[in-house]
Amino acid sequence: MYKLLFSEVAKKDLEKFTIDERIFIAEKLKYIAGNFELLKQTKKVRKLKGSSKFYRFVIARKIRAIFEVKNNELIILTLRVGKRKDIHKDSVNFFQNKGEVASPIC
C-alpha cells in the first residue's frame, strides 16, 4: 500500500468540492493507494502522454487525479474538475515548472 501525500494545489482544489464529494474522492484515492499496481495492470491508472513520471486516474466523469509515485509514496499532485485536456496539460506544466513539495494528508 502506498502512502498518500497532497500538494498545496491539491488541497486547495479539494476545498472546492462539497463534503459529500470530498468523501467520495477520498475513498477513491484510498482505493488507488491500496490497489495501485493492479490498477496499472488493468490500465485504469495510466501514465500521462508526454510524461514518464505522472499518472492519472478518472475518479468520476469530470474529476481526475494527477499524481506521481516516489519511493513508495503516492503523491497526489493536483485534483481538478474540468475538461480532460486542460486538466492534464495544466497539471503537468505547473508541476514541472514549480517543483512543488507535497505534504501529508491530515
N, C-alpha and C. Protein backbone atom coordinates (compact mmCIF):
# COMPACT_ATOMS: atom_id res chain seq x y z
N MET A 1 0.85 -1.18 0.00
CA MET A 1 0.00 0.00 0.00
C MET A 1 0.89 1.24 0.00
N TYR A 2 0.49 2.21 -0.76
CA TYR A 2 1.22 3.47 -0.87
C TYR A 2 0.69 4.47 0.14
N LYS A 3 1.54 5.40 0.53
CA LYS A 3 1.16 6.49 1.42
C LYS A 3 0.69 7.66 0.56
N LEU A 4 -0.43 8.25 0.88
CA LEU A 4 -0.96 9.39 0.12
C LEU A 4 -0.42 10.70 0.67
N LEU A 5 0.10 11.52 -0.23
CA LEU A 5 0.52 12.88 0.10
C LEU A 5 -0.17 13.82 -0.87
N PHE A 6 -0.45 15.04 -0.42
CA PHE A 6 -1.12 16.02 -1.27
C PHE A 6 -0.28 17.28 -1.41
N SER A 7 -0.25 17.84 -2.60
CA SER A 7 0.38 19.13 -2.81
C SER A 7 -0.56 20.21 -2.28
N GLU A 8 -0.04 21.41 -2.13
CA GLU A 8 -0.87 22.53 -1.69
C GLU A 8 -1.97 22.82 -2.70
N VAL A 9 -1.66 22.67 -3.99
CA VAL A 9 -2.67 22.89 -5.04
C VAL A 9 -3.80 21.88 -4.90
N ALA A 10 -3.46 20.63 -4.64
CA ALA A 10 -4.49 19.60 -4.48
C ALA A 10 -5.39 19.92 -3.29
N LYS A 11 -4.80 20.38 -2.21
CA LYS A 11 -5.60 20.73 -1.03
C LYS A 11 -6.58 21.85 -1.36
N LYS A 12 -6.11 22.86 -2.09
CA LYS A 12 -7.00 23.96 -2.48
C LYS A 12 -8.09 23.48 -3.42
N ASP A 13 -7.73 22.60 -4.35
CA ASP A 13 -8.73 22.06 -5.28
C ASP A 13 -9.80 21.27 -4.53
N LEU A 14 -9.40 20.51 -3.52
CA LEU A 14 -10.37 19.73 -2.76
C LEU A 14 -11.36 20.61 -2.02
N GLU A 15 -10.94 21.79 -1.61
CA GLU A 15 -11.83 22.71 -0.90
C GLU A 15 -13.01 23.16 -1.76
N LYS A 16 -12.87 23.06 -3.06
CA LYS A 16 -13.93 23.49 -3.98
C LYS A 16 -15.09 22.50 -4.04
N PHE A 17 -14.89 21.30 -3.53
CA PHE A 17 -15.91 20.27 -3.57
C PHE A 17 -16.77 20.30 -2.32
N THR A 18 -17.98 19.77 -2.43
CA THR A 18 -18.85 19.64 -1.26
C THR A 18 -18.29 18.55 -0.35
N ILE A 19 -18.79 18.48 0.86
CA ILE A 19 -18.36 17.45 1.81
C ILE A 19 -18.60 16.05 1.23
N ASP A 20 -19.77 15.82 0.67
CA ASP A 20 -20.08 14.51 0.09
C ASP A 20 -19.12 14.15 -1.04
N GLU A 21 -18.81 15.13 -1.88
CA GLU A 21 -17.87 14.89 -2.98
C GLU A 21 -16.47 14.60 -2.44
N ARG A 22 -16.06 15.32 -1.40
CA ARG A 22 -14.74 15.07 -0.81
C ARG A 22 -14.64 13.67 -0.23
N ILE A 23 -15.71 13.21 0.41
CA ILE A 23 -15.72 11.85 0.96
C ILE A 23 -15.59 10.84 -0.17
N PHE A 24 -16.34 11.04 -1.23
CA PHE A 24 -16.27 10.16 -2.40
C PHE A 24 -14.86 10.15 -3.00
N ILE A 25 -14.27 11.33 -3.15
CA ILE A 25 -12.92 11.44 -3.71
C ILE A 25 -11.90 10.76 -2.79
N ALA A 26 -12.02 10.98 -1.49
CA ALA A 26 -11.09 10.36 -0.53
C ALA A 26 -11.15 8.84 -0.60
N GLU A 27 -12.36 8.29 -0.73
CA GLU A 27 -12.50 6.84 -0.85
C GLU A 27 -11.81 6.32 -2.11
N LYS A 28 -11.97 7.04 -3.20
CA LYS A 28 -11.32 6.64 -4.46
C LYS A 28 -9.80 6.73 -4.36
N LEU A 29 -9.30 7.78 -3.71
CA LEU A 29 -7.86 7.93 -3.57
C LEU A 29 -7.26 6.85 -2.68
N LYS A 30 -7.98 6.48 -1.62
CA LYS A 30 -7.52 5.37 -0.78
C LYS A 30 -7.51 4.06 -1.58
N TYR A 31 -8.50 3.90 -2.44
CA TYR A 31 -8.56 2.73 -3.31
C TYR A 31 -7.34 2.68 -4.24
N ILE A 32 -6.97 3.83 -4.80
CA ILE A 32 -5.78 3.90 -5.66
C ILE A 32 -4.54 3.49 -4.87
N ALA A 33 -4.38 4.04 -3.68
CA ALA A 33 -3.20 3.75 -2.86
C ALA A 33 -3.11 2.26 -2.53
N GLY A 34 -4.23 1.62 -2.30
CA GLY A 34 -4.23 0.21 -1.94
C GLY A 34 -4.13 -0.74 -3.12
N ASN A 35 -4.45 -0.26 -4.30
CA ASN A 35 -4.51 -1.14 -5.48
C ASN A 35 -3.74 -0.59 -6.67
N PHE A 36 -2.72 0.20 -6.42
CA PHE A 36 -2.03 0.91 -7.49
C PHE A 36 -1.48 -0.03 -8.57
N GLU A 37 -0.77 -1.06 -8.16
CA GLU A 37 -0.16 -1.98 -9.14
C GLU A 37 -1.22 -2.70 -9.97
N LEU A 38 -2.28 -3.15 -9.35
CA LEU A 38 -3.37 -3.80 -10.07
C LEU A 38 -4.03 -2.83 -11.05
N LEU A 39 -4.26 -1.60 -10.60
CA LEU A 39 -4.88 -0.60 -11.47
C LEU A 39 -3.99 -0.25 -12.66
N LYS A 40 -2.67 -0.28 -12.46
CA LYS A 40 -1.75 -0.06 -13.59
C LYS A 40 -1.84 -1.21 -14.59
N GLN A 41 -1.92 -2.43 -14.08
CA GLN A 41 -2.00 -3.60 -14.96
C GLN A 41 -3.29 -3.60 -15.77
N THR A 42 -4.38 -3.16 -15.17
CA THR A 42 -5.66 -3.15 -15.86
C THR A 42 -5.88 -1.85 -16.63
N LYS A 43 -4.88 -0.97 -16.60
CA LYS A 43 -4.87 0.30 -17.33
C LYS A 43 -5.93 1.30 -16.86
N LYS A 44 -6.38 1.15 -15.62
CA LYS A 44 -7.28 2.15 -15.05
C LYS A 44 -6.47 3.33 -14.54
N VAL A 45 -5.21 3.07 -14.19
CA VAL A 45 -4.25 4.13 -13.89
C VAL A 45 -3.30 4.14 -15.08
N ARG A 46 -3.15 5.30 -15.69
CA ARG A 46 -2.31 5.40 -16.89
C ARG A 46 -1.31 6.52 -16.75
N LYS A 47 -0.18 6.35 -17.42
CA LYS A 47 0.79 7.44 -17.49
C LYS A 47 0.24 8.52 -18.39
N LEU A 48 0.53 9.76 -18.05
CA LEU A 48 0.13 10.86 -18.91
C LEU A 48 1.03 10.86 -20.14
N LYS A 49 0.46 11.11 -21.28
CA LYS A 49 1.25 11.18 -22.50
C LYS A 49 2.24 12.34 -22.38
N GLY A 50 3.46 12.08 -22.80
CA GLY A 50 4.48 13.10 -22.76
C GLY A 50 5.17 13.23 -21.41
N SER A 51 4.86 12.34 -20.48
CA SER A 51 5.48 12.39 -19.15
C SER A 51 5.82 10.97 -18.72
N SER A 52 6.99 10.82 -18.13
CA SER A 52 7.40 9.50 -17.67
C SER A 52 7.10 9.27 -16.19
N LYS A 53 6.75 10.35 -15.47
CA LYS A 53 6.55 10.17 -14.03
C LYS A 53 5.15 10.51 -13.52
N PHE A 54 4.30 11.07 -14.36
CA PHE A 54 2.97 11.45 -13.92
C PHE A 54 1.92 10.43 -14.39
N TYR A 55 0.97 10.15 -13.51
CA TYR A 55 -0.13 9.23 -13.80
C TYR A 55 -1.44 9.96 -13.64
N ARG A 56 -2.50 9.34 -14.17
CA ARG A 56 -3.84 9.90 -13.97
C ARG A 56 -4.81 8.77 -13.69
N PHE A 57 -5.86 9.15 -12.97
CA PHE A 57 -6.93 8.23 -12.64
C PHE A 57 -8.24 9.00 -12.74
N VAL A 58 -9.23 8.43 -13.40
CA VAL A 58 -10.53 9.06 -13.52
C VAL A 58 -11.34 8.67 -12.28
N ILE A 59 -11.62 9.66 -11.45
CA ILE A 59 -12.38 9.42 -10.22
C ILE A 59 -13.87 9.40 -10.53
N ALA A 60 -14.31 10.34 -11.31
CA ALA A 60 -15.70 10.44 -11.75
C ALA A 60 -15.68 11.10 -13.12
N ARG A 61 -16.81 11.29 -13.69
CA ARG A 61 -16.89 11.78 -15.06
C ARG A 61 -16.01 13.00 -15.34
N LYS A 62 -16.04 13.99 -14.45
CA LYS A 62 -15.24 15.19 -14.68
C LYS A 62 -14.18 15.42 -13.61
N ILE A 63 -13.91 14.42 -12.81
CA ILE A 63 -12.92 14.57 -11.75
C ILE A 63 -11.75 13.65 -12.06
N ARG A 64 -10.56 14.24 -12.14
CA ARG A 64 -9.35 13.48 -12.42
C ARG A 64 -8.35 13.70 -11.29
N ALA A 65 -7.58 12.67 -10.98
CA ALA A 65 -6.45 12.79 -10.07
C ALA A 65 -5.19 12.66 -10.90
N ILE A 66 -4.29 13.60 -10.74
CA ILE A 66 -3.00 13.56 -11.39
C ILE A 66 -1.98 13.35 -10.28
N PHE A 67 -1.12 12.35 -10.42
CA PHE A 67 -0.22 12.02 -9.33
C PHE A 67 1.06 11.39 -9.84
N GLU A 68 2.02 11.25 -8.92
CA GLU A 68 3.26 10.55 -9.22
C GLU A 68 3.60 9.65 -8.04
N VAL A 69 4.50 8.70 -8.27
CA VAL A 69 4.94 7.79 -7.23
C VAL A 69 6.43 8.04 -7.00
N LYS A 70 6.79 8.29 -5.75
CA LYS A 70 8.19 8.48 -5.36
C LYS A 70 8.46 7.66 -4.12
N ASN A 71 9.42 6.76 -4.21
CA ASN A 71 9.83 5.97 -3.03
C ASN A 71 8.65 5.35 -2.30
N ASN A 72 7.76 4.70 -3.04
CA ASN A 72 6.57 4.05 -2.48
C ASN A 72 5.60 4.99 -1.80
N GLU A 73 5.65 6.28 -2.13
CA GLU A 73 4.67 7.23 -1.65
C GLU A 73 3.88 7.72 -2.86
N LEU A 74 2.59 7.56 -2.81
CA LEU A 74 1.72 8.04 -3.87
C LEU A 74 1.47 9.52 -3.59
N ILE A 75 2.00 10.37 -4.45
CA ILE A 75 1.90 11.80 -4.24
C ILE A 75 0.82 12.35 -5.16
N ILE A 76 -0.27 12.80 -4.59
CA ILE A 76 -1.36 13.38 -5.36
C ILE A 76 -0.98 14.82 -5.65
N LEU A 77 -0.70 15.11 -6.91
CA LEU A 77 -0.21 16.43 -7.26
C LEU A 77 -1.32 17.45 -7.38
N THR A 78 -2.38 17.07 -8.01
CA THR A 78 -3.48 18.02 -8.15
C THR A 78 -4.76 17.27 -8.42
N LEU A 79 -5.84 17.93 -8.18
CA LEU A 79 -7.16 17.37 -8.41
C LEU A 79 -7.97 18.46 -9.06
N ARG A 80 -8.45 18.23 -10.23
CA ARG A 80 -9.13 19.28 -10.98
C ARG A 80 -10.48 18.81 -11.49
N VAL A 81 -11.37 19.75 -11.68
CA VAL A 81 -12.65 19.50 -12.31
C VAL A 81 -12.65 20.31 -13.59
N GLY A 82 -12.92 19.64 -14.69
CA GLY A 82 -12.95 20.36 -15.95
C GLY A 82 -12.70 19.43 -17.11
N LYS A 83 -12.41 20.03 -18.25
CA LYS A 83 -12.19 19.24 -19.45
C LYS A 83 -10.88 18.47 -19.33
N ARG A 84 -10.89 17.26 -19.82
CA ARG A 84 -9.76 16.36 -19.70
C ARG A 84 -8.46 16.97 -20.21
N LYS A 85 -8.48 17.52 -21.40
CA LYS A 85 -7.24 18.02 -21.99
C LYS A 85 -6.64 19.17 -21.17
N ASP A 86 -7.49 20.02 -20.61
CA ASP A 86 -7.00 21.12 -19.79
C ASP A 86 -6.41 20.63 -18.47
N ILE A 87 -7.05 19.65 -17.88
CA ILE A 87 -6.61 19.12 -16.59
C ILE A 87 -5.21 18.55 -16.72
N HIS A 88 -5.00 17.69 -17.70
CA HIS A 88 -3.71 17.02 -17.85
C HIS A 88 -2.62 17.99 -18.23
N LYS A 89 -2.85 18.83 -19.20
CA LYS A 89 -1.84 19.76 -19.71
C LYS A 89 -1.44 20.75 -18.62
N ASP A 90 -2.40 21.38 -17.98
CA ASP A 90 -2.12 22.37 -16.96
C ASP A 90 -1.39 21.77 -15.76
N SER A 91 -1.78 20.57 -15.36
CA SER A 91 -1.16 19.93 -14.19
C SER A 91 0.30 19.61 -14.44
N VAL A 92 0.59 18.99 -15.56
CA VAL A 92 1.98 18.61 -15.84
C VAL A 92 2.84 19.85 -15.99
N ASN A 93 2.39 20.84 -16.72
CA ASN A 93 3.16 22.08 -16.90
C ASN A 93 3.42 22.76 -15.57
N PHE A 94 2.39 22.84 -14.73
CA PHE A 94 2.52 23.52 -13.44
C PHE A 94 3.59 22.85 -12.59
N PHE A 95 3.52 21.54 -12.45
CA PHE A 95 4.42 20.86 -11.54
C PHE A 95 5.83 20.70 -12.09
N GLN A 96 6.00 20.65 -13.38
CA GLN A 96 7.34 20.60 -13.94
C GLN A 96 8.04 21.94 -13.71
N ASN A 97 7.31 23.02 -13.75
CA ASN A 97 7.91 24.34 -13.57
C ASN A 97 8.07 24.73 -12.11
N LYS A 98 7.16 24.31 -11.26
CA LYS A 98 7.16 24.73 -9.87
C LYS A 98 8.00 23.82 -8.96
N GLY A 99 7.96 22.50 -9.22
CA GLY A 99 8.64 21.56 -8.34
C GLY A 99 8.06 21.59 -6.94
N GLU A 100 6.77 21.68 -6.84
CA GLU A 100 6.08 21.83 -5.57
C GLU A 100 6.31 20.62 -4.65
N VAL A 101 6.42 20.89 -3.38
CA VAL A 101 6.61 19.85 -2.37
C VAL A 101 5.26 19.43 -1.85
N ALA A 102 5.06 18.14 -1.74
CA ALA A 102 3.80 17.60 -1.23
C ALA A 102 3.87 17.47 0.28
N SER A 103 2.72 17.51 0.91
CA SER A 103 2.66 17.33 2.36
C SER A 103 1.66 16.23 2.68
N PRO A 104 1.79 15.62 3.87
CA PRO A 104 0.89 14.51 4.21
C PRO A 104 -0.56 14.98 4.33
N ILE A 105 -1.46 14.07 4.03
CA ILE A 105 -2.89 14.32 4.18
C ILE A 105 -3.22 14.26 5.67
N CYS A 106 -4.06 15.15 6.10
CA CYS A 106 -4.43 15.19 7.53
C CYS A 106 -5.78 14.56 7.76
